[in-house]
Amino acid sequence: MWTPIMEIDWNSVGTLKHTVGGYDIRTDTLKILVTAAMQGHEGDASQMRIEMEDGVVFLPDEIRRLALARSRIR
């Protein structure tokens, strides 16, 4: 489910997961998780998803959109 960028709480906590390998990469704030996914140390962002504590899931295309959000870079 895509949430408009204006409603994103960058300080909310979630877990970055590797969908192909089936393992958790790290648990942190959304701002940090998006950065980690885009850095590519654990593979391409197309192989990752972010699961937030409130149940929201960001799929690879959504992670890329979040990475481009102006509100993330403050």
Protein backbone atom coordinates (compact mmCIF):
# COMPACT_ATOMS: atom_id res chain seq x y z
CA MET A 1 0.00 0.00 0.00
CA TRP A 2 1.46 3.35 -1.05
CA THR A 3 1.21 6.22 1.43
CA PRO A 4 1.60 9.75 0.03
CA ILE A 5 5.03 11.23 0.80
CA MET A 6 3.48 14.08 2.81
CA GLU A 7 2.19 11.60 5.40
CA ILE A 8 5.44 9.70 5.91
CA ASP A 9 6.87 9.65 9.42
CA TRP A 10 10.58 9.28 8.74
CA ASN A 11 11.26 8.53 12.41
CA SER A 12 8.92 5.53 12.56
CA VAL A 13 10.63 2.18 13.07
CA GLY A 14 10.62 -0.74 10.69
CA THR A 15 12.75 -3.58 9.35
CA LEU A 16 14.53 -3.79 6.00
CA LYS A 17 14.17 -7.31 4.65
CA HIS A 18 15.89 -9.15 1.81
CA THR A 19 13.08 -10.82 -0.13
CA VAL A 20 15.25 -13.27 -2.09
CA GLY A 21 17.46 -14.37 0.80
CA GLY A 22 14.59 -14.28 3.29
CA TYR A 23 16.52 -12.52 6.05
CA ASP A 24 16.29 -9.25 7.99
CA ILE A 25 18.98 -6.71 7.15
CA ARG A 26 18.40 -4.16 9.90
CA THR A 27 15.77 -2.54 12.11
CA ASP A 28 15.89 1.24 12.29
CA THR A 29 13.98 4.41 11.40
CA LEU A 30 12.43 4.63 7.95
CA LYS A 31 14.89 7.33 6.89
CA ILE A 32 17.86 5.05 7.63
CA LEU A 33 16.21 1.97 6.09
CA VAL A 34 15.58 3.74 2.77
CA THR A 35 19.19 4.91 2.70
CA ALA A 36 20.47 1.40 3.47
CA ALA A 37 18.30 -0.16 0.76
CA MET A 38 19.55 2.28 -1.86
CA GLN A 39 23.23 1.84 -0.94
CA GLY A 40 23.14 -1.70 -2.27
CA HIS A 41 25.47 -3.38 0.24
CA GLU A 42 23.01 -6.26 0.67
CA GLY A 43 21.89 -6.38 -2.96
CA ASP A 44 19.75 -4.32 -5.28
CA ALA A 45 16.74 -2.46 -3.86
CA SER A 46 14.56 -4.59 -6.17
CA GLN A 47 15.27 -7.49 -3.78
CA MET A 48 14.16 -5.66 -0.63
CA ARG A 49 11.08 -4.53 1.22
CA ILE A 50 10.52 -2.51 4.37
CA GLU A 51 8.02 -3.70 6.98
CA MET A 52 7.02 -1.00 9.45
CA GLU A 53 5.95 -1.71 13.05
CA ASP A 54 2.46 -0.38 12.23
CA GLY A 55 2.03 -3.02 9.51
CA VAL A 56 2.72 -0.82 6.45
CA VAL A 57 4.91 -2.56 3.86
CA PHE A 58 6.99 -0.68 1.29
CA LEU A 59 7.83 -2.71 -1.82
CA PRO A 60 10.90 -2.05 -4.05
CA ASP A 61 9.26 0.58 -6.28
CA GLU A 62 7.96 2.40 -3.22
CA ILE A 63 11.42 2.34 -1.63
CA ARG A 64 12.81 4.03 -4.75
CA ARG A 65 10.08 6.71 -4.59
CA LEU A 66 10.81 7.29 -0.91
CA ALA A 67 14.50 7.70 -1.71
CA LEU A 68 13.66 10.60 -4.03
CA ALA A 69 11.36 12.36 -1.56
CA ARG A 70 12.52 15.84 -0.64
CA SER A 71 11.21 15.41 2.88
CA ARG A 72 13.75 12.60 3.49
CA ILE A 73 16.74 14.84 2.85
CA ARG A 74 16.62 17.36 5.69
